[in-house]
Amino acid sequence: MKTLNYLLGFMMMMFAATAVQAVVTVGKSAPEFTLTGIDGKAHQLSDYKGKTVVLEWVNPECPFVIKHYGSGNIPKLQSSATADGVVWLSINTGGPGAQGVYDAATHSKWASSVKAGPSAYLRDPEGKVARLYGAKTTPHIYVITSDGTLVYNGAIDSIRSTDVADIAKAENYVVSALTAVKSGKPVAKATSQPYGCAVKY
């Protein structure tokens, strides 16, 4: 009986862990979430219904993120996308004291130094949204259409490296996805293997 109870408990634990670490599916509705921004305001995904939304997992101290921000690559993408009416949500999954988790003043200095321009910079300190979406790396990017359908999940581009010189040679999957969405066409490459630093749960 003791062994049976142990096994049942173990199975329930495994099921719970699996449920928490659910991974979203391209072509299905993106799951709802609410996170607090660096501005202290609550942001719900459903607040942006009717707009294309980009979710970008970020850690300012990750070498891969430094590559894409220091070169201006992601800031330019953010600027271009938001000018086109896209909502760009940067998400930092990390608790207090974790690498790349800053207070508001330090974040503001970092954002200004790299010319970051997301619509909002959100905190996910318990990793709930990262687990919900299956976010693995920084950066890891998702594109959601105006009707709430996830149409892209993966890397920012096709070359896994920290070398700035590779940006120009790589296929930018996010640009391709946003271009397809804008023109009403299916996203040709809807998934890719994300690369970068592991998300700090």
N, C-alpha and C. Protein backbone atom coordinates (compact mmCIF):
# COMPACT_ATOMS: atom_id res chain seq x y z
N MET A 1 0.83 -1.20 0.00
CA MET A 1 0.00 0.00 0.00
C MET A 1 0.87 1.26 0.00
N LYS A 2 1.94 1.20 0.80
CA LYS A 2 2.87 2.31 0.90
C LYS A 2 3.50 2.58 -0.47
N THR A 3 3.90 1.48 -1.13
CA THR A 3 4.53 1.59 -2.45
C THR A 3 3.56 2.17 -3.46
N LEU A 4 2.30 1.72 -3.40
CA LEU A 4 1.27 2.20 -4.32
C LEU A 4 1.04 3.71 -4.13
N ASN A 5 0.95 4.12 -2.89
CA ASN A 5 0.75 5.55 -2.60
C ASN A 5 1.93 6.38 -3.11
N TYR A 6 3.14 5.82 -2.94
CA TYR A 6 4.34 6.53 -3.41
C TYR A 6 4.29 6.69 -4.93
N LEU A 7 3.92 5.59 -5.62
CA LEU A 7 3.85 5.63 -7.08
C LEU A 7 2.79 6.60 -7.56
N LEU A 8 1.64 6.59 -6.91
CA LEU A 8 0.56 7.51 -7.28
C LEU A 8 0.99 8.96 -7.07
N GLY A 9 1.65 9.21 -5.96
CA GLY A 9 2.14 10.55 -5.66
C GLY A 9 3.16 11.01 -6.68
N PHE A 10 4.07 10.08 -7.05
CA PHE A 10 5.10 10.39 -8.03
C PHE A 10 4.48 10.71 -9.39
N MET A 11 3.47 9.90 -9.78
CA MET A 11 2.80 10.11 -11.07
C MET A 11 2.08 11.46 -11.11
N MET A 12 1.45 11.82 -9.99
CA MET A 12 0.75 13.09 -9.92
C MET A 12 1.73 14.26 -10.00
N MET A 13 2.90 14.08 -9.36
CA MET A 13 3.94 15.10 -9.40
C MET A 13 4.44 15.30 -10.83
N MET A 14 4.65 14.19 -11.53
CA MET A 14 5.13 14.24 -12.91
C MET A 14 4.10 14.90 -13.81
N PHE A 15 2.82 14.58 -13.57
CA PHE A 15 1.75 15.16 -14.37
C PHE A 15 1.69 16.67 -14.15
N ALA A 16 1.83 17.08 -12.89
CA ALA A 16 1.79 18.51 -12.56
C ALA A 16 2.95 19.24 -13.23
N ALA A 17 4.14 18.62 -13.19
CA ALA A 17 5.32 19.24 -13.80
C ALA A 17 5.13 19.39 -15.30
N THR A 18 4.53 18.35 -15.92
CA THR A 18 4.27 18.40 -17.36
C THR A 18 3.28 19.50 -17.67
N ALA A 19 2.24 19.62 -16.83
CA ALA A 19 1.22 20.64 -17.05
C ALA A 19 1.80 22.04 -16.96
N VAL A 20 2.69 22.24 -16.00
CA VAL A 20 3.31 23.55 -15.80
C VAL A 20 4.20 23.90 -16.99
N GLN A 21 4.90 22.89 -17.53
CA GLN A 21 5.83 23.14 -18.60
C GLN A 21 5.21 22.90 -19.98
N ALA A 22 3.95 23.32 -20.11
CA ALA A 22 3.24 23.17 -21.38
C ALA A 22 3.95 24.00 -22.45
N VAL A 23 3.94 23.50 -23.66
CA VAL A 23 4.55 24.22 -24.77
C VAL A 23 3.46 24.56 -25.78
N VAL A 24 3.42 25.80 -26.21
CA VAL A 24 2.39 26.25 -27.14
C VAL A 24 2.59 25.63 -28.52
N THR A 25 1.52 25.64 -29.31
CA THR A 25 1.55 25.04 -30.64
C THR A 25 1.28 26.10 -31.69
N VAL A 26 2.14 26.15 -32.69
CA VAL A 26 1.92 27.07 -33.81
C VAL A 26 0.63 26.68 -34.52
N GLY A 27 -0.16 27.68 -34.85
CA GLY A 27 -1.45 27.44 -35.50
C GLY A 27 -2.60 27.42 -34.52
N LYS A 28 -2.29 27.41 -33.23
CA LYS A 28 -3.31 27.42 -32.18
C LYS A 28 -3.31 28.79 -31.49
N SER A 29 -4.33 29.03 -30.68
CA SER A 29 -4.42 30.29 -29.95
C SER A 29 -3.28 30.42 -28.94
N ALA A 30 -2.68 31.59 -28.89
CA ALA A 30 -1.63 31.86 -27.90
C ALA A 30 -2.30 32.02 -26.54
N PRO A 31 -1.80 31.33 -25.51
CA PRO A 31 -2.44 31.40 -24.20
C PRO A 31 -2.36 32.78 -23.55
N GLU A 32 -3.42 33.11 -22.86
CA GLU A 32 -3.51 34.40 -22.16
C GLU A 32 -2.53 34.46 -21.00
N PHE A 33 -2.06 35.65 -20.70
CA PHE A 33 -1.22 35.84 -19.52
C PHE A 33 -1.30 37.30 -19.09
N THR A 34 -0.93 37.54 -17.86
CA THR A 34 -0.81 38.90 -17.33
C THR A 34 0.54 39.02 -16.64
N LEU A 35 1.30 40.05 -16.99
CA LEU A 35 2.59 40.31 -16.35
C LEU A 35 2.69 41.80 -16.03
N THR A 36 3.48 42.11 -15.02
CA THR A 36 3.71 43.51 -14.66
C THR A 36 4.94 44.02 -15.39
N GLY A 37 4.82 45.22 -15.94
CA GLY A 37 5.93 45.82 -16.67
C GLY A 37 6.88 46.56 -15.76
N ILE A 38 8.01 46.93 -16.32
CA ILE A 38 9.00 47.73 -15.59
C ILE A 38 8.38 49.07 -15.19
N ASP A 39 7.29 49.44 -15.89
CA ASP A 39 6.58 50.68 -15.59
C ASP A 39 5.60 50.53 -14.43
N GLY A 40 5.50 49.29 -13.88
CA GLY A 40 4.61 49.05 -12.75
C GLY A 40 3.18 48.74 -13.15
N LYS A 41 2.89 48.76 -14.45
CA LYS A 41 1.52 48.50 -14.93
C LYS A 41 1.36 47.04 -15.32
N ALA A 42 0.13 46.53 -15.16
CA ALA A 42 -0.19 45.16 -15.57
C ALA A 42 -0.49 45.14 -17.06
N HIS A 43 0.04 44.15 -17.75
CA HIS A 43 -0.18 44.01 -19.19
C HIS A 43 -0.75 42.62 -19.46
N GLN A 44 -1.92 42.56 -20.09
CA GLN A 44 -2.53 41.29 -20.48
C GLN A 44 -2.37 41.12 -21.98
N LEU A 45 -2.12 39.88 -22.41
CA LEU A 45 -2.02 39.63 -23.85
C LEU A 45 -3.30 40.08 -24.55
N SER A 46 -4.46 39.81 -23.93
CA SER A 46 -5.74 40.15 -24.55
C SER A 46 -5.95 41.66 -24.69
N ASP A 47 -5.15 42.47 -23.98
CA ASP A 47 -5.22 43.93 -24.15
C ASP A 47 -4.89 44.33 -25.58
N TYR A 48 -4.15 43.46 -26.27
CA TYR A 48 -3.63 43.80 -27.59
C TYR A 48 -4.35 43.04 -28.72
N LYS A 49 -5.53 42.53 -28.41
CA LYS A 49 -6.30 41.83 -29.45
C LYS A 49 -6.57 42.81 -30.59
N GLY A 50 -6.42 42.33 -31.81
CA GLY A 50 -6.59 43.19 -32.97
C GLY A 50 -5.26 43.70 -33.51
N LYS A 51 -4.16 43.41 -32.77
CA LYS A 51 -2.83 43.81 -33.21
C LYS A 51 -1.91 42.58 -33.27
N THR A 52 -0.94 42.63 -34.17
CA THR A 52 0.10 41.61 -34.18
C THR A 52 0.99 41.85 -32.96
N VAL A 53 1.36 40.75 -32.27
CA VAL A 53 2.17 40.86 -31.06
C VAL A 53 3.44 40.01 -31.20
N VAL A 54 4.56 40.58 -30.81
CA VAL A 54 5.82 39.84 -30.72
C VAL A 54 6.17 39.69 -29.25
N LEU A 55 6.48 38.45 -28.84
CA LEU A 55 7.00 38.19 -27.50
C LEU A 55 8.48 37.87 -27.65
N GLU A 56 9.33 38.58 -26.91
CA GLU A 56 10.77 38.37 -27.01
C GLU A 56 11.34 38.15 -25.60
N TRP A 57 11.86 36.96 -25.36
CA TRP A 57 12.52 36.72 -24.07
C TRP A 57 13.91 37.35 -24.08
N VAL A 58 14.23 38.07 -23.00
CA VAL A 58 15.46 38.86 -22.99
C VAL A 58 16.20 38.76 -21.66
N ASN A 59 17.52 38.79 -21.74
CA ASN A 59 18.40 38.90 -20.57
C ASN A 59 19.53 39.82 -21.01
N PRO A 60 19.55 41.07 -20.55
CA PRO A 60 20.53 42.04 -21.03
C PRO A 60 22.00 41.63 -20.89
N GLU A 61 22.29 40.64 -20.03
CA GLU A 61 23.69 40.24 -19.83
C GLU A 61 24.07 38.98 -20.59
N CYS A 62 23.15 38.43 -21.35
CA CYS A 62 23.45 37.25 -22.17
C CYS A 62 24.26 37.68 -23.39
N PRO A 63 25.37 37.01 -23.72
CA PRO A 63 26.18 37.39 -24.89
C PRO A 63 25.41 37.42 -26.20
N PHE A 64 24.43 36.54 -26.35
CA PHE A 64 23.63 36.51 -27.59
C PHE A 64 22.73 37.74 -27.66
N VAL A 65 22.18 38.13 -26.52
CA VAL A 65 21.35 39.33 -26.45
C VAL A 65 22.21 40.57 -26.67
N ILE A 66 23.40 40.58 -26.06
CA ILE A 66 24.33 41.70 -26.25
C ILE A 66 24.66 41.87 -27.74
N LYS A 67 24.85 40.74 -28.43
CA LYS A 67 25.11 40.78 -29.88
C LYS A 67 23.98 41.50 -30.62
N HIS A 68 22.75 41.09 -30.35
CA HIS A 68 21.62 41.62 -31.12
C HIS A 68 21.18 43.02 -30.69
N TYR A 69 21.47 43.37 -29.42
CA TYR A 69 21.14 44.74 -28.98
C TYR A 69 22.30 45.69 -29.24
N GLY A 70 23.52 45.26 -28.93
CA GLY A 70 24.69 46.11 -29.11
C GLY A 70 24.90 46.51 -30.56
N SER A 71 24.54 45.61 -31.47
CA SER A 71 24.68 45.89 -32.91
C SER A 71 23.54 46.77 -33.43
N GLY A 72 22.49 46.89 -32.62
CA GLY A 72 21.31 47.64 -33.06
C GLY A 72 20.29 46.79 -33.77
N ASN A 73 20.57 45.49 -33.91
CA ASN A 73 19.67 44.61 -34.67
C ASN A 73 18.26 44.55 -34.07
N ILE A 74 18.16 44.17 -32.80
CA ILE A 74 16.82 44.08 -32.19
C ILE A 74 16.19 45.45 -32.02
N PRO A 75 16.91 46.48 -31.54
CA PRO A 75 16.28 47.80 -31.47
C PRO A 75 15.70 48.27 -32.80
N LYS A 76 16.40 48.00 -33.91
CA LYS A 76 15.88 48.39 -35.23
C LYS A 76 14.61 47.61 -35.57
N LEU A 77 14.62 46.31 -35.22
CA LEU A 77 13.43 45.49 -35.44
C LEU A 77 12.25 46.02 -34.63
N GLN A 78 12.52 46.35 -33.37
CA GLN A 78 11.48 46.89 -32.50
C GLN A 78 10.91 48.18 -33.08
N SER A 79 11.80 49.06 -33.48
CA SER A 79 11.38 50.36 -34.02
C SER A 79 10.55 50.20 -35.29
N SER A 80 11.01 49.34 -36.19
CA SER A 80 10.30 49.10 -37.44
C SER A 80 8.94 48.45 -37.20
N ALA A 81 8.93 47.46 -36.31
CA ALA A 81 7.69 46.72 -36.03
C ALA A 81 6.65 47.62 -35.36
N THR A 82 7.06 48.35 -34.33
CA THR A 82 6.10 49.19 -33.60
C THR A 82 5.60 50.35 -34.47
N ALA A 83 6.46 50.84 -35.37
CA ALA A 83 6.03 51.89 -36.30
C ALA A 83 4.96 51.36 -37.25
N ASP A 84 4.97 50.04 -37.44
CA ASP A 84 4.00 49.38 -38.32
C ASP A 84 2.76 48.92 -37.55
N GLY A 85 2.67 49.30 -36.27
CA GLY A 85 1.48 48.94 -35.49
C GLY A 85 1.60 47.65 -34.71
N VAL A 86 2.78 47.02 -34.75
CA VAL A 86 3.00 45.77 -34.00
C VAL A 86 3.28 46.10 -32.54
N VAL A 87 2.77 45.25 -31.64
CA VAL A 87 3.08 45.39 -30.21
C VAL A 87 4.24 44.46 -29.89
N TRP A 88 5.33 45.01 -29.38
CA TRP A 88 6.52 44.21 -29.06
C TRP A 88 6.68 44.15 -27.55
N LEU A 89 6.54 42.96 -26.99
CA LEU A 89 6.65 42.77 -25.55
C LEU A 89 7.94 42.01 -25.22
N SER A 90 8.88 42.68 -24.58
CA SER A 90 10.10 42.03 -24.10
C SER A 90 9.81 41.45 -22.72
N ILE A 91 10.22 40.20 -22.49
CA ILE A 91 9.92 39.53 -21.23
C ILE A 91 11.21 39.04 -20.59
N ASN A 92 11.42 39.43 -19.34
CA ASN A 92 12.59 38.97 -18.58
C ASN A 92 12.11 37.99 -17.52
N THR A 93 12.50 36.73 -17.70
CA THR A 93 12.17 35.70 -16.72
C THR A 93 13.37 35.51 -15.80
N GLY A 94 13.25 36.01 -14.62
CA GLY A 94 14.33 35.89 -13.64
C GLY A 94 13.90 36.54 -12.34
N GLY A 95 14.19 35.87 -11.24
CA GLY A 95 13.84 36.41 -9.94
C GLY A 95 14.84 37.45 -9.49
N PRO A 96 14.57 38.09 -8.35
CA PRO A 96 15.50 39.09 -7.81
C PRO A 96 16.90 38.53 -7.65
N GLY A 97 17.89 39.26 -8.13
CA GLY A 97 19.28 38.82 -8.01
C GLY A 97 19.77 37.97 -9.16
N ALA A 98 18.85 37.55 -10.04
CA ALA A 98 19.26 36.74 -11.19
C ALA A 98 19.98 37.61 -12.21
N GLN A 99 20.80 36.96 -13.04
CA GLN A 99 21.55 37.68 -14.07
C GLN A 99 20.60 38.48 -14.97
N GLY A 100 20.92 39.75 -15.19
CA GLY A 100 20.14 40.56 -16.11
C GLY A 100 18.83 41.10 -15.57
N VAL A 101 18.58 40.92 -14.27
CA VAL A 101 17.37 41.47 -13.66
C VAL A 101 17.74 42.78 -12.97
N TYR A 102 17.21 43.88 -13.48
CA TYR A 102 17.58 45.21 -12.99
C TYR A 102 16.40 45.91 -12.31
N ASP A 103 16.73 46.87 -11.47
CA ASP A 103 15.69 47.75 -10.95
C ASP A 103 15.32 48.73 -12.07
N ALA A 104 14.26 49.49 -11.85
CA ALA A 104 13.74 50.36 -12.91
C ALA A 104 14.78 51.36 -13.42
N ALA A 105 15.55 51.95 -12.50
CA ALA A 105 16.53 52.96 -12.91
C ALA A 105 17.65 52.35 -13.75
N THR A 106 18.15 51.19 -13.32
CA THR A 106 19.22 50.51 -14.07
C THR A 106 18.71 50.04 -15.42
N HIS A 107 17.48 49.53 -15.43
CA HIS A 107 16.90 49.10 -16.71
C HIS A 107 16.79 50.27 -17.67
N SER A 108 16.36 51.41 -17.16
CA SER A 108 16.20 52.59 -18.00
C SER A 108 17.53 53.00 -18.64
N LYS A 109 18.61 52.93 -17.86
CA LYS A 109 19.95 53.25 -18.38
C LYS A 109 20.36 52.27 -19.46
N TRP A 110 20.10 50.96 -19.21
CA TRP A 110 20.44 49.95 -20.21
C TRP A 110 19.65 50.17 -21.49
N ALA A 111 18.35 50.35 -21.35
CA ALA A 111 17.48 50.52 -22.52
C ALA A 111 17.91 51.74 -23.34
N SER A 112 18.27 52.80 -22.65
CA SER A 112 18.72 54.01 -23.34
C SER A 112 20.05 53.78 -24.05
N SER A 113 20.95 53.04 -23.41
CA SER A 113 22.29 52.81 -23.98
C SER A 113 22.24 51.97 -25.25
N VAL A 114 21.26 51.07 -25.36
CA VAL A 114 21.16 50.22 -26.55
C VAL A 114 20.03 50.65 -27.48
N LYS A 115 19.34 51.74 -27.09
CA LYS A 115 18.22 52.27 -27.89
C LYS A 115 17.09 51.25 -28.04
N ALA A 116 16.85 50.49 -26.97
CA ALA A 116 15.76 49.51 -26.99
C ALA A 116 14.42 50.23 -27.11
N GLY A 117 13.50 49.65 -27.86
CA GLY A 117 12.20 50.31 -28.05
C GLY A 117 11.02 49.37 -28.08
N PRO A 118 10.92 48.44 -27.10
CA PRO A 118 9.72 47.58 -27.10
C PRO A 118 8.50 48.38 -26.66
N SER A 119 7.32 47.85 -26.92
CA SER A 119 6.10 48.50 -26.44
C SER A 119 6.04 48.45 -24.93
N ALA A 120 6.55 47.36 -24.35
CA ALA A 120 6.62 47.21 -22.89
C ALA A 120 7.69 46.19 -22.56
N TYR A 121 8.28 46.35 -21.38
CA TYR A 121 9.30 45.43 -20.88
C TYR A 121 8.71 44.79 -19.63
N LEU A 122 8.44 43.49 -19.70
CA LEU A 122 7.69 42.80 -18.66
C LEU A 122 8.56 41.90 -17.81
N ARG A 123 8.17 41.74 -16.56
CA ARG A 123 8.87 40.84 -15.64
C ARG A 123 8.06 39.56 -15.45
N ASP A 124 8.77 38.43 -15.45
CA ASP A 124 8.16 37.11 -15.24
C ASP A 124 8.98 36.38 -14.18
N PRO A 125 9.05 36.93 -12.95
CA PRO A 125 10.01 36.44 -11.95
C PRO A 125 9.80 35.00 -11.50
N GLU A 126 8.58 34.48 -11.60
CA GLU A 126 8.33 33.09 -11.20
C GLU A 126 8.40 32.13 -12.39
N GLY A 127 8.63 32.67 -13.56
CA GLY A 127 8.76 31.83 -14.76
C GLY A 127 7.46 31.22 -15.25
N LYS A 128 6.33 31.74 -14.79
CA LYS A 128 5.05 31.13 -15.18
C LYS A 128 4.77 31.25 -16.67
N VAL A 129 5.00 32.42 -17.22
CA VAL A 129 4.72 32.63 -18.64
C VAL A 129 5.76 31.93 -19.51
N ALA A 130 7.01 31.93 -19.05
CA ALA A 130 8.06 31.21 -19.79
C ALA A 130 7.72 29.72 -19.89
N ARG A 131 7.25 29.15 -18.79
CA ARG A 131 6.86 27.73 -18.81
C ARG A 131 5.63 27.51 -19.67
N LEU A 132 4.69 28.43 -19.58
CA LEU A 132 3.46 28.33 -20.37
C LEU A 132 3.76 28.29 -21.87
N TYR A 133 4.73 29.11 -22.27
CA TYR A 133 5.08 29.19 -23.69
C TYR A 133 6.23 28.27 -24.08
N GLY A 134 6.90 27.70 -23.09
CA GLY A 134 8.03 26.84 -23.40
C GLY A 134 9.26 27.62 -23.82
N ALA A 135 9.40 28.85 -23.32
CA ALA A 135 10.56 29.68 -23.68
C ALA A 135 11.84 29.04 -23.15
N LYS A 136 12.83 28.91 -24.01
CA LYS A 136 14.06 28.20 -23.65
C LYS A 136 15.29 29.10 -23.56
N THR A 137 15.35 30.11 -24.41
CA THR A 137 16.59 30.89 -24.51
C THR A 137 16.31 32.39 -24.55
N THR A 138 17.39 33.14 -24.37
CA THR A 138 17.33 34.58 -24.66
C THR A 138 18.33 34.86 -25.78
N PRO A 139 17.82 35.34 -26.94
CA PRO A 139 16.41 35.58 -27.20
C PRO A 139 15.65 34.31 -27.64
N HIS A 140 14.34 34.31 -27.41
CA HIS A 140 13.41 33.32 -27.96
C HIS A 140 12.19 34.14 -28.33
N ILE A 141 11.75 34.01 -29.56
CA ILE A 141 10.73 34.93 -30.08
C ILE A 141 9.49 34.20 -30.59
N TYR A 142 8.35 34.82 -30.31
CA TYR A 142 7.05 34.31 -30.74
C TYR A 142 6.31 35.43 -31.47
N VAL A 143 5.59 35.08 -32.53
CA VAL A 143 4.77 36.06 -33.25
C VAL A 143 3.32 35.59 -33.20
N ILE A 144 2.45 36.51 -32.79
CA ILE A 144 1.02 36.21 -32.61
C ILE A 144 0.22 37.17 -33.49
N THR A 145 -0.72 36.63 -34.25
CA THR A 145 -1.51 37.47 -35.15
C THR A 145 -2.60 38.24 -34.40
N SER A 146 -3.26 39.13 -35.12
CA SER A 146 -4.27 40.00 -34.50
C SER A 146 -5.47 39.23 -33.94
N ASP A 147 -5.69 38.00 -34.44
CA ASP A 147 -6.79 37.20 -33.89
C ASP A 147 -6.31 36.26 -32.78
N GLY A 148 -5.04 36.43 -32.35
CA GLY A 148 -4.54 35.64 -31.22
C GLY A 148 -3.92 34.31 -31.57
N THR A 149 -3.65 34.07 -32.86
CA THR A 149 -3.05 32.80 -33.28
C THR A 149 -1.52 32.90 -33.28
N LEU A 150 -0.88 31.90 -32.68
CA LEU A 150 0.58 31.85 -32.70
C LEU A 150 1.03 31.36 -34.08
N VAL A 151 1.87 32.16 -34.76
CA VAL A 151 2.29 31.78 -36.11
C VAL A 151 3.81 31.60 -36.24
N TYR A 152 4.55 32.00 -35.21
CA TYR A 152 6.00 31.76 -35.23
C TYR A 152 6.50 31.51 -33.83
N ASN A 153 7.43 30.55 -33.71
CA ASN A 153 8.04 30.18 -32.43
C ASN A 153 9.47 29.75 -32.71
N GLY A 154 10.44 30.54 -32.22
CA GLY A 154 11.82 30.10 -32.44
C GLY A 154 12.88 31.17 -32.31
N ALA A 155 13.94 30.99 -33.08
CA ALA A 155 15.11 31.86 -33.04
C ALA A 155 14.86 33.17 -33.77
N ILE A 156 15.70 34.15 -33.49
CA ILE A 156 15.60 35.41 -34.21
C ILE A 156 16.07 35.26 -35.65
N ASP A 157 17.09 34.41 -35.86
CA ASP A 157 17.60 34.23 -37.22
C ASP A 157 18.25 32.86 -37.39
N SER A 158 18.87 32.66 -38.53
CA SER A 158 19.33 31.32 -38.92
C SER A 158 20.76 30.98 -38.52
N ILE A 159 21.51 31.92 -37.95
CA ILE A 159 22.91 31.63 -37.60
C ILE A 159 23.10 31.74 -36.09
N ARG A 160 23.40 30.61 -35.49
CA ARG A 160 23.60 30.54 -34.04
C ARG A 160 25.02 30.97 -33.69
N SER A 161 25.16 32.20 -33.23
CA SER A 161 26.49 32.68 -32.86
C SER A 161 26.37 33.97 -32.05
N THR A 162 27.50 34.40 -31.47
CA THR A 162 27.56 35.69 -30.79
C THR A 162 28.33 36.70 -31.63
N ASP A 163 28.62 36.34 -32.87
CA ASP A 163 29.40 37.19 -33.76
C ASP A 163 28.49 38.17 -34.51
N VAL A 164 28.69 39.45 -34.29
CA VAL A 164 27.88 40.48 -34.92
C VAL A 164 27.93 40.37 -36.45
N ALA A 165 29.06 39.94 -36.99
CA ALA A 165 29.22 39.84 -38.45
C ALA A 165 28.23 38.86 -39.06
N ASP A 166 27.72 37.92 -38.26
CA ASP A 166 26.79 36.92 -38.78
C ASP A 166 25.38 37.46 -39.00
N ILE A 167 25.07 38.60 -38.41
CA ILE A 167 23.71 39.15 -38.53
C ILE A 167 23.36 39.41 -39.99
N ALA A 168 24.26 40.04 -40.71
CA ALA A 168 24.00 40.38 -42.11
C ALA A 168 23.87 39.15 -43.00
N LYS A 169 24.54 38.05 -42.60
CA LYS A 169 24.53 36.83 -43.42
C LYS A 169 23.33 35.93 -43.11
N ALA A 170 22.68 36.16 -41.97
CA ALA A 170 21.61 35.27 -41.51
C ALA A 170 20.26 35.63 -42.12
N GLU A 171 19.39 34.62 -42.21
CA GLU A 171 17.99 34.87 -42.55
C GLU A 171 17.28 35.26 -41.27
N ASN A 172 16.67 36.43 -41.25
CA ASN A 172 15.97 36.88 -40.06
C ASN A 172 14.55 36.32 -40.08
N TYR A 173 14.31 35.32 -39.24
CA TYR A 173 13.02 34.64 -39.22
C TYR A 173 11.89 35.55 -38.73
N VAL A 174 12.22 36.48 -37.85
CA VAL A 174 11.19 37.37 -37.30
C VAL A 174 10.71 38.35 -38.36
N VAL A 175 11.64 38.93 -39.11
CA VAL A 175 11.28 39.83 -40.20
C VAL A 175 10.42 39.08 -41.22
N SER A 176 10.82 37.85 -41.56
CA SER A 176 10.06 37.06 -42.53
C SER A 176 8.65 36.78 -42.03
N ALA A 177 8.53 36.45 -40.74
CA ALA A 177 7.22 36.15 -40.16
C ALA A 177 6.33 37.39 -40.16
N LEU A 178 6.88 38.53 -39.75
CA LEU A 178 6.08 39.75 -39.70
C LEU A 178 5.67 40.21 -41.10
N THR A 179 6.56 40.03 -42.07
CA THR A 179 6.24 40.39 -43.45
C THR A 179 5.10 39.54 -43.98
N ALA A 180 5.15 38.23 -43.68
CA ALA A 180 4.09 37.32 -44.12
C ALA A 180 2.75 37.68 -43.47
N VAL A 181 2.78 37.95 -42.16
CA VAL A 181 1.55 38.30 -41.45
C VAL A 181 0.94 39.57 -42.03
N LYS A 182 1.78 40.57 -42.30
CA LYS A 182 1.29 41.84 -42.83
C LYS A 182 0.63 41.66 -44.19
N SER A 183 1.18 40.76 -44.99
CA SER A 183 0.64 40.54 -46.33
C SER A 183 -0.47 39.49 -46.36
N GLY A 184 -0.80 38.94 -45.19
CA GLY A 184 -1.89 37.96 -45.11
C GLY A 184 -1.52 36.59 -45.63
N LYS A 185 -0.22 36.31 -45.68
CA LYS A 185 0.25 35.01 -46.16
C LYS A 185 0.69 34.12 -44.99
N PRO A 186 0.72 32.80 -45.20
CA PRO A 186 1.22 31.91 -44.15
C PRO A 186 2.71 32.15 -43.91
N VAL A 187 3.15 31.95 -42.69
CA VAL A 187 4.57 32.09 -42.36
C VAL A 187 5.30 30.85 -42.88
N ALA A 188 6.24 31.04 -43.78
CA ALA A 188 6.91 29.92 -44.44
C ALA A 188 7.67 29.05 -43.45
N LYS A 189 8.41 29.67 -42.55
CA LYS A 189 9.14 28.91 -41.53
C LYS A 189 8.53 29.29 -40.19
N ALA A 190 7.59 28.47 -39.75
CA ALA A 190 6.80 28.80 -38.55
C ALA A 190 7.49 28.41 -37.25
N THR A 191 8.46 27.51 -37.32
CA THR A 191 9.22 27.11 -36.12
C THR A 191 10.70 26.99 -36.46
N SER A 192 11.52 27.23 -35.46
CA SER A 192 12.96 27.02 -35.60
C SER A 192 13.51 26.76 -34.21
N GLN A 193 14.72 26.25 -34.15
CA GLN A 193 15.35 25.97 -32.86
C GLN A 193 15.91 27.27 -32.29
N PRO A 194 15.39 27.74 -31.15
CA PRO A 194 15.92 28.97 -30.59
C PRO A 194 17.35 28.77 -30.09
N TYR A 195 18.13 29.83 -30.11
CA TYR A 195 19.50 29.74 -29.58
C TYR A 195 19.75 30.94 -28.66
N GLY A 196 20.69 30.76 -27.76
CA GLY A 196 21.04 31.83 -26.83
C GLY A 196 21.34 31.27 -25.45
N CYS A 197 21.25 32.12 -24.44
CA CYS A 197 21.45 31.68 -23.05
C CYS A 197 20.16 31.07 -22.52
N ALA A 198 20.30 30.07 -21.66
CA ALA A 198 19.11 29.43 -21.10
C ALA A 198 18.29 30.43 -20.31
N VAL A 199 16.96 30.35 -20.47
CA VAL A 199 16.06 31.20 -19.68
C VAL A 199 16.27 30.85 -18.20
N LYS A 200 16.42 31.89 -17.38
CA LYS A 200 16.69 31.69 -15.94
C LYS A 200 15.38 31.54 -15.17
N TYR A 201 14.93 30.30 -15.02
CA TYR A 201 13.70 30.05 -14.26
C TYR A 201 13.96 30.23 -12.78
